PDB file of N, CA and C in Angstrom:
ATOM      1  N   CYS A   1       0.008  -2.669   5.364  1.00  0.00           N
ATOM      2  CA  CYS A   1       1.348  -1.758   5.262  1.00  0.00           C
ATOM      3  C   CYS A   1       0.897  -0.530   4.306  1.00  0.00           C
ATOM      4  N   SER A   2       2.155   0.016   3.855  1.00  0.00           N
ATOM      5  CA  SER A   2       1.788   1.119   2.883  1.00  0.00           C
ATOM      6  C   SER A   2       2.890   1.829   2.443  1.00  0.00           C
ATOM      7  N   VAL A   3       3.145   2.415   0.985  1.00  0.00           N
ATOM      8  CA  VAL A   3       4.286   2.770   0.643  1.00  0.00           C
ATOM      9  C   VAL A   3       4.951   3.959   1.474  1.00  0.00           C
ATOM     10  N   ALA A   4       4.384   4.355   2.493  1.00  0.00           N
ATOM     11  CA  ALA A   4       4.693   5.286   3.678  1.00  0.00           C
ATOM     12  C   ALA A   4       5.569   4.905   4.498  1.00  0.00           C
ATOM     13  N   ALA A   5       5.561   3.225   4.883  1.00  0.00           N
ATOM     14  CA  ALA A   5       6.145   2.639   5.610  1.00  0.00           C
ATOM     15  C   ALA A   5       8.147   2.930   5.053  1.00  0.00           C
ATOM     16  N   THR A   6       8.096   3.008   4.027  1.00  0.00           N
ATOM     17  CA  THR A   6       9.405   3.027   3.652  1.00  0.00           C
ATOM     18  C   THR A   6      10.040   4.660   3.298  1.00  0.00           C
ATOM     19  N   MET A   7       9.368   5.534   3.122  1.00  0.00           N
ATOM     20  CA  MET A   7       9.516   6.536   2.254  1.00  0.00           C
ATOM     21  C   MET A   7       9.055   7.646   3.025  1.00  0.00           C
ATOM     22  N   GLY A   8       9.476   9.081   3.182  1.00  0.00           N
ATOM     23  CA  GLY A   8       8.791  10.233   3.833  1.00  0.00           C
ATOM     24  C   GLY A   8       7.461  10.661   2.834  1.00  0.00           C
ATOM     25  N   ILE A   9       6.652  10.831   3.848  1.00  0.00           N
ATOM     26  CA  ILE A   9       5.578  11.533   2.783  1.00  0.00           C
ATOM     27  C   ILE A   9       5.265  12.769   3.462  1.00  0.00           C
ATOM     28  N   PRO A  10       5.242  13.958   3.083  1.00  0.00           N
ATOM     29  CA  PRO A  10       5.072  15.134   3.412  1.00  0.00           C
ATOM     30  C   PRO A  10       3.697  15.172   4.301  1.00  0.00           C
ATOM     31  N   ASP A  11       3.923  16.115   5.676  1.00  0.00           N
ATOM     32  CA  ASP A  11       2.478  16.127   6.274  1.00  0.00           C
ATOM     33  C   ASP A  11       2.043  14.946   6.658  1.00  0.00           C
ATOM     34  N   ARG A  12       2.764  13.684   6.802  1.00  0.00           N
ATOM     35  CA  ARG A  12       2.265  12.709   7.023  1.00  0.00           C
ATOM     36  C   ARG A  12       2.854  11.681   8.167  1.00  0.00           C
ATOM     37  N   PHE A  13       3.500  12.592   8.950  1.00  0.00           N
ATOM     38  CA  PHE A  13       4.059  12.041  10.280  1.00  0.00           C
ATOM     39  C   PHE A  13       3.796  10.674  10.944  1.00  0.00           C
ATOM     40  N   ALA A  14       2.372  10.915  11.715  1.00  0.00           N
ATOM     41  CA  ALA A  14       1.849   9.752  12.661  1.00  0.00           C
ATOM     42  C   ALA A  14       1.748   8.566  11.386  1.00  0.00           C
ATOM     43  N   TYR A  15       1.069   8.963  10.222  1.00  0.00           N
ATOM     44  CA  TYR A  15       0.766   7.917   9.328  1.00  0.00           C
ATOM     45  C   TYR A  15       1.887   7.143   9.082  1.00  0.00           C
ATOM     46  N   SER A  16       2.954   7.767   8.440  1.00  0.00           N
ATOM     47  CA  SER A  16       3.878   7.176   8.110  1.00  0.00           C
ATOM     48  C   SER A  16       4.611   6.292   9.249  1.00  0.00           C
ATOM     49  N   MET A  17       4.565   6.797  10.388  1.00  0.00           N
ATOM     50  CA  MET A  17       5.091   6.199  11.547  1.00  0.00           C
ATOM     51  C   MET A  17       4.459   4.791  11.671  1.00  0.00           C
ATOM     52  N   SER A  18       2.995   4.936  12.287  1.00  0.00           N
ATOM     53  CA  SER A  18       2.240   3.706  12.218  1.00  0.00           C
ATOM     54  C   SER A  18       2.731   2.651  11.251  1.00  0.00           C
ATOM     55  N   LYS A  19       2.609   3.157   9.964  1.00  0.00           N
ATOM     56  CA  LYS A  19       3.147   2.065   8.653  1.00  0.00           C
ATOM     57  C   LYS A  19       4.528   1.342   8.853  1.00  0.00           C
ATOM     58  N   GLY A  20       5.410   2.229   9.328  1.00  0.00           N
ATOM     59  CA  GLY A  20       6.719   1.833   9.621  1.00  0.00           C
ATOM     60  C   GLY A  20       6.537   0.785  10.553  1.00  0.00           C
ATOM     61  N   ALA A  21       5.858   0.559  11.473  1.00  0.00           N
ATOM     62  CA  ALA A  21       5.469   0.040  12.550  1.00  0.00           C
ATOM     63  C   ALA A  21       4.806  -1.476  12.202  1.00  0.00           C
ATOM     64  N   VAL A  22       3.802  -1.436  11.379  1.00  0.00           N
ATOM     65  CA  VAL A  22       3.395  -2.593  10.858  1.00  0.00           C
ATOM     66  C   VAL A  22       4.337  -3.451  10.032  1.00  0.00           C
ATOM     67  N   LEU A  23       5.178  -2.613   9.049  1.00  0.00           N
ATOM     68  CA  LEU A  23       6.374  -3.501   8.827  1.00  0.00           C
ATOM     69  C   LEU A  23       7.362  -3.948   9.334  1.00  0.00           C
ATOM     70  N   SER A  24       7.686  -3.314  10.328  1.00  0.00           N
ATOM     71  CA  SER A  24       8.887  -4.028  11.580  1.00  0.00           C
ATOM     72  C   SER A  24       7.999  -5.004  12.134  1.00  0.00           C
ATOM     73  N   MET A  25       6.558  -4.984  12.698  1.00  0.00           N
ATOM     74  CA  MET A  25       5.839  -5.915  13.073  1.00  0.00           C
ATOM     75  C   MET A  25       5.853  -7.688  12.330  1.00  0.00           C
ATOM     76  N   THR A  26       5.882  -6.799  11.074  1.00  0.00           N
ATOM     77  CA  THR A  26       5.486  -7.916   9.822  1.00  0.00           C
ATOM     78  C   THR A  26       6.578  -8.945   9.724  1.00  0.00           C
ATOM     79  N   LEU A  27       8.025  -8.557   9.989  1.00  0.00           N
ATOM     80  CA  LEU A  27       9.296  -8.871  10.190  1.00  0.00           C
ATOM     81  C   LEU A  27       9.546  -9.714  11.403  1.00  0.00           C
ATOM     82  N   SER A  28       9.146  -9.245  12.255  1.00  0.00           N
ATOM     83  CA  SER A  28       9.060  -9.852  13.764  1.00  0.00           C
ATOM     84  C   SER A  28       8.132 -10.849  13.888  1.00  0.00           C
ATOM     85  N   ILE A  29       7.368 -10.991  13.353  1.00  0.00           N
ATOM     86  CA  ILE A  29       6.246 -11.724  13.440  1.00  0.00           C
ATOM     87  C   ILE A  29       6.363 -12.980  12.255  1.00  0.00           C
ATOM     88  N   ALA A  30       6.943 -12.897  11.477  1.00  0.00           N
ATOM     89  CA  ALA A  30       7.655 -14.088  10.499  1.00  0.00           C
ATOM     90  C   ALA A  30       8.986 -14.320  10.958  1.00  0.00           C
ATOM     91  N   ARG A  31       9.818 -13.937  11.498  1.00  0.00           N
ATOM     92  CA  ARG A  31      10.845 -14.519  12.532  1.00  0.00           C
ATOM     93  C   ARG A  31      10.531 -15.097  13.410  1.00  0.00           C
ATOM     94  N   ASP A  32       9.490 -14.772  14.023  1.00  0.00           N
ATOM     95  CA  ASP A  32       8.960 -15.494  15.321  1.00  0.00           C
ATOM     96  C   ASP A  32       8.274 -16.837  14.916  1.00  0.00           C
ATOM     97  N   TYR A  33       7.691 -16.956  13.695  1.00  0.00           N
ATOM     98  CA  TYR A  33       6.648 -18.180  13.928  1.00  0.00           C
ATOM     99  C   TYR A  33       7.161 -18.987  12.631  1.00  0.00           C
ATOM    100  N   VAL A  34       8.333 -18.651  11.954  1.00  0.00           N
ATOM    101  CA  VAL A  34       8.664 -19.272  10.525  1.00  0.00           C
ATOM    102  C   VAL A  34       9.122 -20.552  10.916  1.00  0.00           C
ATOM    103  N   ASP A  35       9.603 -20.959  12.416  1.00  0.00           N
ATOM    104  CA  ASP A  35       9.522 -22.747  13.049  1.00  0.00           C
ATOM    105  C   ASP A  35       8.500 -23.181  12.692  1.00  0.00           C
ATOM    106  N   GLN A  36       7.308 -22.895  12.932  1.00  0.00           N
ATOM    107  CA  GLN A  36       5.995 -23.400  13.093  1.00  0.00           C
ATOM    108  C   GLN A  36       5.462 -23.511  11.539  1.00  0.00           C
ATOM    109  N   GLY A  37       5.968 -22.800  10.488  1.00  0.00           N
ATOM    110  CA  GLY A  37       5.436 -22.835   9.421  1.00  0.00           C
ATOM    111  C   GLY A  37       4.309 -22.042   9.012  1.00  0.00           C
ATOM    112  N   ILE A  38       4.369 -20.957  10.241  1.00  0.00           N
ATOM    113  CA  ILE A  38       3.558 -19.537   9.673  1.00  0.00           C
ATOM    114  C   ILE A  38       4.044 -18.611   8.958  1.00  0.00           C
ATOM    115  N   ARG A  39       3.249 -18.143   8.036  1.00  0.00           N
ATOM    116  CA  ARG A  39       3.854 -16.870   7.572  1.00  0.00           C
ATOM    117  C   ARG A  39       3.702 -15.571   7.440  1.00  0.00           C
ATOM    118  N   CYS A  40       4.146 -14.687   7.259  1.00  0.00           N
ATOM    119  CA  CYS A  40       3.846 -13.038   7.414  1.00  0.00           C
ATOM    120  C   CYS A  40       4.565 -12.369   6.548  1.00  0.00           C
ATOM    121  N   ASN A  41       3.523 -11.764   5.701  1.00  0.00           N
ATOM    122  CA  ASN A  41       3.869 -10.557   4.642  1.00  0.00           C
ATOM    123  C   ASN A  41       2.944  -9.353   4.812  1.00  0.00           C
ATOM    124  N   CYS A  42       3.296  -8.657   4.152  1.00  0.00           N
ATOM    125  CA  CYS A  42       2.420  -7.352   4.486  1.00  0.00           C
ATOM    126  C   CYS A  42       2.805  -6.648   3.005  1.00  0.00           C
ATOM    127  N   LEU A  43       1.630  -5.936   2.442  1.00  0.00           N
ATOM    128  CA  LEU A  43       1.440  -5.302   0.934  1.00  0.00           C
ATOM    129  C   LEU A  43       1.283  -3.846   1.196  1.00  0.00           C
ATOM    130  N   SER A  44       1.857  -3.213   0.473  1.00  0.00           N
ATOM    131  CA  SER A  44       2.284  -1.656   0.755  1.00  0.00           C
ATOM    132  C   SER A  44       1.378  -1.065  -0.654  1.00  0.00           C
ATOM    133  N   PRO A  45       0.508  -0.781  -0.438  1.00  0.00           N
ATOM    134  CA  PRO A  45      -0.197  -0.167  -1.897  1.00  0.00           C
ATOM    135  C   PRO A  45       0.296   1.461  -1.852  1.00  0.00           C
ATOM    136  N   GLY A  46       0.025   1.870  -2.702  1.00  0.00           N
ATOM    137  CA  GLY A  46       0.235   3.328  -3.044  1.00  0.00           C
ATOM    138  C   GLY A  46      -1.379   3.945  -2.995  1.00  0.00           C
ATOM    139  N   ARG A  47      -1.226   5.058  -3.839  1.00  0.00           N
ATOM    140  CA  ARG A  47      -2.416   5.292  -3.908  1.00  0.00           C
ATOM    141  C   ARG A  47      -4.015   4.346  -4.350  1.00  0.00           C
ATOM    142  N   VAL A  48      -4.610   4.151  -3.704  1.00  0.00           N
ATOM    143  CA  VAL A  48      -6.013   3.340  -4.375  1.00  0.00           C
ATOM    144  C   VAL A  48      -7.014   3.582  -4.445  1.00  0.00           C
ATOM    145  N   HIS A  49      -7.997   4.035  -5.488  1.00  0.00           N
ATOM    146  CA  HIS A  49      -9.437   4.449  -5.658  1.00  0.00           C
ATOM    147  C   HIS A  49     -10.162   3.403  -4.823  1.00  0.00           C
ATOM    148  N   THR A  50     -10.996   4.105  -3.979  1.00  0.00           N
ATOM    149  CA  THR A  50     -11.696   3.829  -2.719  1.00  0.00           C
ATOM    150  C   THR A  50     -12.600   4.694  -2.850  1.00  0.00           C
ATOM    151  N   PRO A  51     -13.973   4.155  -2.101  1.00  0.00           N
ATOM    152  CA  PRO A  51     -14.947   5.432  -1.709  1.00  0.00           C
ATOM    153  C   PRO A  51     -14.052   6.122  -0.723  1.00  0.00           C
ATOM    154  N   PHE A  52     -13.116   6.244   0.215  1.00  0.00           N
ATOM    155  CA  PHE A  52     -12.886   7.469   1.419  1.00  0.00           C
ATOM    156  C   PHE A  52     -12.205   8.139   0.252  1.00  0.00           C
ATOM    157  N   VAL A  53     -11.552   7.895  -0.750  1.00  0.00           N
ATOM    158  CA  VAL A  53     -10.585   8.788  -2.013  1.00  0.00           C
ATOM    159  C   VAL A  53     -11.996   9.533  -2.334  1.00  0.00           C
ATOM    160  N   ASP A  54     -13.164   9.338  -2.652  1.00  0.00           N
ATOM    161  CA  ASP A  54     -13.922  10.153  -3.062  1.00  0.00           C
ATOM    162  C   ASP A  54     -14.642  11.328  -1.986  1.00  0.00           C
ATOM    163  N   GLY A  55     -14.829  10.366  -1.005  1.00  0.00           N
ATOM    164  CA  GLY A  55     -15.608  11.360   0.396  1.00  0.00           C
ATOM    165  C   GLY A  55     -14.245  12.240   0.718  1.00  0.00           C
ATOM    166  N   PHE A  56     -13.076  11.708   0.649  1.00  0.00           N
ATOM    167  CA  PHE A  56     -11.909  12.724   1.180  1.00  0.00           C
ATOM    168  C   PHE A  56     -12.109  14.122   0.066  1.00  0.00           C
ATOM    169  N   LEU A  57     -12.056  13.970  -1.087  1.00  0.00           N
ATOM    170  CA  LEU A  57     -11.806  14.812  -2.176  1.00  0.00           C
ATOM    171  C   LEU A  57     -13.329  15.935  -1.997  1.00  0.00           C
ATOM    172  N   ALA A  58     -14.427  14.949  -2.053  1.00  0.00           N
ATOM    173  CA  ALA A  58     -15.597  15.723  -1.949  1.00  0.00           C
ATOM    174  C   ALA A  58     -15.809  16.754  -0.564  1.00  0.00           C
ATOM    175  N   LYS A  59     -14.851  16.057   0.616  1.00  0.00           N
ATOM    176  CA  LYS A  59     -15.360  16.981   1.575  1.00  0.00           C
ATOM    177  C   LYS A  59     -13.999  18.221   1.585  1.00  0.00           C
ATOM    178  N   ASN A  60     -13.104  18.158   0.914  1.00  0.00           N
ATOM    179  CA  ASN A  60     -11.880  18.682   1.043  1.00  0.00           C
ATOM    180  C   ASN A  60     -12.103  20.145  -0.379  1.00  0.00           C
ATOM    181  N   TYR A  61     -12.128  19.204  -1.091  1.00  0.00           N
ATOM    182  CA  TYR A  61     -12.427  19.910  -2.706  1.00  0.00           C
ATOM    183  C   TYR A  61     -13.531  20.287  -3.310  1.00  0.00           C
ATOM    184  N   PRO A  62     -14.559  20.579  -2.615  1.00  0.00           N
ATOM    185  CA  PRO A  62     -15.972  21.052  -3.571  1.00  0.00           C
ATOM    186  C   PRO A  62     -15.876  21.363  -4.772  1.00  0.00           C
ATOM    187  N   GLY A  63     -16.254  20.717  -5.792  1.00  0.00           N
ATOM    188  CA  GLY A  63     -16.431  21.651  -6.734  1.00  0.00           C
ATOM    189  C   GLY A  63     -14.962  21.299  -7.846  1.00  0.00           C
ATOM    190  N   LYS A  64     -14.158  20.587  -7.139  1.00  0.00           N
ATOM    191  CA  LYS A  64     -12.817  20.403  -7.882  1.00  0.00           C
ATOM    192  C   LYS A  64     -12.731  19.134  -7.742  1.00  0.00           C
ATOM    193  N   GLU A  65     -13.157  18.265  -7.141  1.00  0.00           N
ATOM    194  CA  GLU A  65     -13.109  16.660  -7.225  1.00  0.00           C
ATOM    195  C   GLU A  65     -12.713  15.982  -8.418  1.00  0.00           C
ATOM    196  N   LYS A  66     -12.895  16.379  -9.368  1.00  0.00           N
ATOM    197  CA  LYS A  66     -12.267  15.599 -10.717  1.00  0.00           C
ATOM    198  C   LYS A  66     -10.940  16.092 -10.748  1.00  0.00           C
ATOM    199  N   GLU A  67     -10.472  17.427 -10.920  1.00  0.00           N
ATOM    200  CA  GLU A  67      -9.309  17.795 -10.974  1.00  0.00           C
ATOM    201  C   GLU A  67      -8.476  17.500  -9.880  1.00  0.00           C
ATOM    202  N   MET A  68      -8.848  17.397  -8.891  1.00  0.00           N
ATOM    203  CA  MET A  68      -7.938  16.796  -7.669  1.00  0.00           C
ATOM    204  C   MET A  68      -7.569  15.512  -7.740  1.00  0.00           C
ATOM    205  N   PHE A  69      -8.954  14.426  -8.336  1.00  0.00           N
ATOM    206  CA  PHE A  69      -8.561  13.178  -8.250  1.00  0.00           C
ATOM    207  C   PHE A  69      -7.376  12.943  -9.474  1.00  0.00           C
ATOM    208  N   GLU A  70      -7.747  13.660 -10.766  1.00  0.00           N
ATOM    209  CA  GLU A  70      -6.680  13.586 -11.495  1.00  0.00           C
ATOM    210  C   GLU A  70      -5.028  14.082 -11.126  1.00  0.00           C
ATOM    211  N   LYS A  71      -5.204  14.846 -10.347  1.00  0.00           N
ATOM    212  CA  LYS A  71      -3.866  15.119  -9.588  1.00  0.00           C
ATOM    213  C   LYS A  71      -3.043  14.282  -8.873  1.00  0.00           C
ATOM    214  N   LEU A  72      -3.910  13.613  -8.078  1.00  0.00           N
ATOM    215  CA  LEU A  72      -3.568  12.570  -7.023  1.00  0.00           C
ATOM    216  C   LEU A  72      -3.311  11.233  -8.241  1.00  0.00           C
ATOM    217  N   ALA A  73      -3.579  11.043  -8.828  1.00  0.00           N
ATOM    218  CA  ALA A  73      -3.624   9.705  -9.907  1.00  0.00           C
ATOM    219  C   ALA A  73      -2.421   9.914 -10.668  1.00  0.00           C
ATOM    220  N   SER A  74      -2.282  11.185 -11.090  1.00  0.00           N
ATOM    221  CA  SER A  74      -0.865  11.534 -12.057  1.00  0.00           C
ATOM    222  C   SER A  74       0.364  11.222 -11.254  1.00  0.00           C
ATOM    223  N   THR A  75       0.256  11.131  -9.894  1.00  0.00           N
ATOM    224  CA  THR A  75       1.510  10.913  -9.033  1.00  0.00           C
ATOM    225  C   THR A  75       1.843   9.424  -8.886  1.00  0.00           C
ATOM    226  N   GLN A  76       1.118   8.704  -9.789  1.00  0.00           N
ATOM    227  CA  GLN A  76       1.218   7.341  -9.895  1.00  0.00           C
ATOM    228  C   GLN A  76       2.360   7.198 -11.330  1.00  0.00           C
ATOM    229  N   ALA A  77       3.108   6.371 -11.537  1.00  0.00           N
ATOM    230  CA  ALA A  77       3.978   6.191 -12.360  1.00  0.00           C
ATOM    231  C   ALA A  77       3.197   5.569 -13.749  1.00  0.00           C
ATOM    232  N   MET A  78       2.192   4.872 -13.365  1.00  0.00           N
ATOM    233  CA  MET A  78       1.105   3.986 -14.362  1.00  0.00           C
ATOM    234  C   MET A  78       0.214   5.507 -14.891  1.00  0.00           C
ATOM    235  N   GLY A  79       0.167   6.532 -13.918  1.00  0.00           N
ATOM    236  CA  GLY A  79      -0.892   7.402 -14.397  1.00  0.00           C
ATOM    237  C   GLY A  79      -2.328   7.236 -14.082  1.00  0.00           C
ATOM    238  N   ARG A  80      -2.603   6.486 -12.855  1.00  0.00           N
ATOM    239  CA  ARG A  80      -3.652   5.742 -12.374  1.00  0.00           C
ATOM    240  C   ARG A  80      -3.668   5.216 -11.150  1.00  0.00           C
ATOM    241  N   MET A  81      -4.525   5.662 -10.070  1.00  0.00           N
ATOM    242  CA  MET A  81      -4.760   4.452  -9.101  1.00  0.00           C
ATOM    243  C   MET A  81      -5.065   3.266  -9.311  1.00  0.00           C
ATOM    244  N   GLY A  82      -4.407   2.286  -8.097  1.00  0.00           N
ATOM    245  CA  GLY A  82      -4.923   1.312  -8.063  1.00  0.00           C
ATOM    246  C   GLY A  82      -6.275   0.904  -7.745  1.00  0.00           C
ATOM    247  N   LYS A  83      -6.929  -0.129  -7.804  1.00  0.00           N
ATOM    248  CA  LYS A  83      -8.256  -0.710  -7.709  1.00  0.00           C
ATOM    249  C   LYS A  83      -8.154  -1.683  -6.266  1.00  0.00           C
ATOM    250  N   PRO A  84      -8.953  -1.488  -5.765  1.00  0.00           N
ATOM    251  CA  PRO A  84      -9.071  -2.615  -4.661  1.00  0.00           C
ATOM    252  C   PRO A  84      -9.090  -3.812  -5.115  1.00  0.00           C
ATOM    253  N   GLU A  85      -9.162  -4.453  -5.958  1.00  0.00           N
ATOM    254  CA  GLU A  85      -9.261  -5.819  -6.369  1.00  0.00           C
ATOM    255  C   GLU A  85      -7.931  -6.201  -7.063  1.00  0.00           C
ATOM    256  N   GLU A  86      -7.226  -5.239  -7.426  1.00  0.00           N
ATOM    257  CA  GLU A  86      -5.984  -5.146  -7.901  1.00  0.00           C
ATOM    258  C   GLU A  86      -4.931  -5.708  -6.646  1.00  0.00           C
ATOM    259  N   ILE A  87      -5.294  -4.897  -5.314  1.00  0.00           N
ATOM    260  CA  ILE A  87      -4.599  -5.354  -4.244  1.00  0.00           C
ATOM    261  C   ILE A  87      -4.899  -6.774  -3.602  1.00  0.00           C
ATOM    262  N   ALA A  88      -6.829  -6.747  -3.394  1.00  0.00           N
ATOM    263  CA  ALA A  88      -6.855  -8.130  -2.989  1.00  0.00           C
ATOM    264  C   ALA A  88      -6.337  -9.260  -3.873  1.00  0.00           C
ATOM    265  N   ALA A  89      -6.121  -9.028  -4.976  1.00  0.00           N
ATOM    266  CA  ALA A  89      -5.503 -10.401  -6.042  1.00  0.00           C
ATOM    267  C   ALA A  89      -4.050 -10.780  -5.436  1.00  0.00           C
ATOM    268  N   LEU A  90      -3.368  -9.769  -4.827  1.00  0.00           N
ATOM    269  CA  LEU A  90      -2.125 -10.048  -4.284  1.00  0.00           C
ATOM    270  C   LEU A  90      -2.165 -10.529  -2.964  1.00  0.00           C
ATOM    271  N   ALA A  91      -3.388 -10.109  -2.160  1.00  0.00           N
ATOM    272  CA  ALA A  91      -3.511 -10.764  -1.088  1.00  0.00           C
ATOM    273  C   ALA A  91      -3.825 -12.414  -1.246  1.00  0.00           C
ATOM    274  N   TYR A  92      -4.834 -12.470  -2.362  1.00  0.00           N
ATOM    275  CA  TYR A  92      -5.134 -14.051  -2.378  1.00  0.00           C
ATOM    276  C   TYR A  92      -3.990 -14.583  -2.724  1.00  0.00           C
ATOM    277  N   PHE A  93      -3.251 -14.302  -3.357  1.00  0.00           N
ATOM    278  CA  PHE A  93      -1.767 -14.939  -3.893  1.00  0.00           C
ATOM    279  C   PHE A  93      -1.140 -15.169  -2.688  1.00  0.00           C
ATOM    280  N   LEU A  94      -1.016 -14.415  -1.722  1.00  0.00           N
ATOM    281  CA  LEU A  94      -0.256 -14.702  -0.779  1.00  0.00           C
ATOM    282  C   LEU A  94      -0.952 -15.602   0.408  1.00  0.00           C
ATOM    283  N   CYS A  95      -2.107 -15.838  -0.114  1.00  0.00           N
ATOM    284  CA  CYS A  95      -2.955 -17.078   0.843  1.00  0.00           C
ATOM    285  C   CYS A  95      -2.865 -17.855   0.489  1.00  0.00           C
ATOM    286  N   SER A  96      -2.240 -18.146  -0.655  1.00  0.00           N
ATOM    287  CA  SER A  96      -2.643 -19.660  -1.578  1.00  0.00           C
ATOM    288  C   SER A  96      -1.204 -20.660  -1.593  1.00  0.00           C
ATOM    289  N   GLU A  97      -1.398 -21.331  -1.917  1.00  0.00           N
ATOM    290  CA  GLU A  97      -0.029 -22.544  -1.900  1.00  0.00           C
ATOM    291  C   GLU A  97       0.912 -22.156  -2.937  1.00  0.00           C
ATOM    292  N   ASP A  98       0.261 -21.616  -3.753  1.00  0.00           N
ATOM    293  CA  ASP A  98       1.592 -20.577  -4.783  1.00  0.00           C
ATOM    294  C   ASP A  98       2.460 -19.948  -3.983  1.00  0.00           C
ATOM    295  N   SER A  99       2.336 -19.136  -2.766  1.00  0.00           N
ATOM    296  CA  SER A  99       3.196 -18.626  -2.449  1.00  0.00           C
ATOM    297  C   SER A  99       3.790 -19.211  -0.939  1.00  0.00           C
ATOM    298  N   LYS A 100       3.996 -20.355  -1.028  1.00  0.00           N
ATOM    299  CA  LYS A 100       4.278 -21.019   0.167  1.00  0.00           C
ATOM    300  C   LYS A 100       5.786 -21.134   0.727  1.00  0.00           C
ATOM    301  N   PHE A 101       6.381 -20.448  -0.367  1.00  0.00           N
ATOM    302  CA  PHE A 101       8.146 -20.226   0.073  1.00  0.00           C
ATOM    303  C   PHE A 101       8.038 -18.894   0.323  1.00  0.00           C
ATOM    304  N   ILE A 102       7.177 -17.985   0.767  1.00  0.00           N
ATOM    305  CA  ILE A 102       7.566 -16.575   0.581  1.00  0.00           C
ATOM    306  C   ILE A 102       6.905 -16.301   1.993  1.00  0.00           C
ATOM    307  N   THR A 103       8.149 -15.558   2.828  1.00  0.00           N
ATOM    308  CA  THR A 103       7.595 -14.795   3.866  1.00  0.00           C
ATOM    309  C   THR A 103       8.731 -13.683   4.588  1.00  0.00           C
ATOM    310  N   GLY A 104       8.168 -12.830   5.538  1.00  0.00           N
ATOM    311  CA  GLY A 104       9.099 -11.898   5.693  1.00  0.00           C
ATOM    312  C   GLY A 104       9.162 -10.751   4.360  1.00  0.00           C
ATOM    313  N   THR A 105       8.186 -10.615   3.957  1.00  0.00           N
ATOM    314  CA  THR A 105       8.416  -9.934   2.626  1.00  0.00           C
ATOM    315  C   THR A 105       7.446  -8.683   2.346  1.00  0.00           C
ATOM    316  N   ASN A 106       7.806  -7.500   2.040  1.00  0.00           N
ATOM    317  CA  ASN A 106       7.300  -6.176   1.834  1.00  0.00           C
ATOM    318  C   ASN A 106       6.559  -6.300   0.442  1.00  0.00           C
ATOM    319  N   PHE A 107       5.643  -6.450   0.258  1.00  0.00           N
ATOM    320  CA  PHE A 107       4.938  -6.104  -1.354  1.00  0.00           C
ATOM    321  C   PHE A 107       4.613  -4.658  -1.433  1.00  0.00           C
ATOM    322  N   ASN A 108       5.558  -4.068  -2.366  1.00  0.00           N
ATOM    323  CA  ASN A 108       5.233  -2.760  -2.890  1.00  0.00           C
ATOM    324  C   ASN A 108       4.256  -3.201  -4.184  1.00  0.00           C
ATOM    325  N   ILE A 109       2.871  -2.570  -3.979  1.00  0.00           N
ATOM    326  CA  ILE A 109       1.848  -2.554  -4.956  1.00  0.00           C
ATOM    327  C   ILE A 109       1.195  -1.273  -5.340  1.00  0.00           C
ATOM    328  N   ASP A 110       2.043  -0.627  -5.813  1.00  0.00           N
ATOM    329  CA  ASP A 110       2.045   0.473  -5.845  1.00  0.00           C
ATOM    330  C   ASP A 110       1.782   1.521  -7.056  1.00  0.00           C
ATOM    331  N   GLY A 111       1.846   0.811  -8.414  1.00  0.00           N
ATOM    332  CA  GLY A 111       2.292   1.364  -9.463  1.00  0.00           C
ATOM    333  C   GLY A 111       3.302   2.080 -10.117  1.00  0.00           C
ATOM    334  N   GLY A 112       4.555   1.309  -9.319  1.00  0.00           N
ATOM    335  CA  GLY A 112       5.742   2.469  -9.464  1.00  0.00           C
ATOM    336  C   GLY A 112       5.901   3.633  -8.992  1.00  0.00           C
ATOM    337  N   PHE A 113       5.212   3.657  -8.047  1.00  0.00           N
ATOM    338  CA  PHE A 113       5.119   5.236  -7.357  1.00  0.00           C
ATOM    339  C   PHE A 113       6.401   5.358  -6.627  1.00  0.00           C
ATOM    340  N   GLN A 114       7.165   4.079  -6.007  1.00  0.00           N
ATOM    341  CA  GLN A 114       8.145   4.402  -5.292  1.00  0.00           C
ATOM    342  C   GLN A 114      10.012   4.477  -6.244  1.00  0.00           C
ATOM    343  N   ASN A 115       9.569   3.403  -7.085  1.00  0.00           N
ATOM    344  CA  ASN A 115      10.771   3.264  -8.040  1.00  0.00           C
ATOM    345  C   ASN A 115      10.879   3.852  -9.140  1.00  0.00           C
ATOM    346  N   LEU A 116       9.837   4.289 -10.075  1.00  0.00           N
ATOM    347  CA  LEU A 116       9.475   4.905 -11.217  1.00  0.00           C
ATOM    348  C   LEU A 116       9.288   6.009 -11.352  1.00  0.00           C
ATOM    349  N   LYS A 117       8.567   6.885 -10.281  1.00  0.00           N
ATOM    350  CA  LYS A 117       8.120   8.207 -10.965  1.00  0.00           C
ATOM    351  C   LYS A 117       9.364   9.037 -10.405  1.00  0.00           C
ATOM    352  N   MET A 118       9.394   9.890 -11.423  1.00  0.00           N
ATOM    353  CA  MET A 118      10.744  10.959 -11.190  1.00  0.00           C
ATOM    354  C   MET A 118      10.104  12.585 -10.705  1.00  0.00           C
TER     355      MET A 118
END
């Protein structure tokens, strides 16, 4: 999923709409299969530093990649983008027996983007 599922992000209508659909699908699947012991949850990351981000910046802001990266990172309450392995760690937890009582839940993993950033 994405933080875009639950908040308006400027100029991202189609992206936000599709992520809202992922959230709704997650809740429906969780409801439909809970009696069969099948759990369904979703992760809603904020900005995560991936090769896609680096490529996007190189393509759209040549020569200003570092400046734009810092600008994007500063939108996170923690002052940095997430790391792929941080998102993976939450996914791993949700696949483990330690989370066997969790279903139908959206996990914001956004460095405080939605709730702490002013």
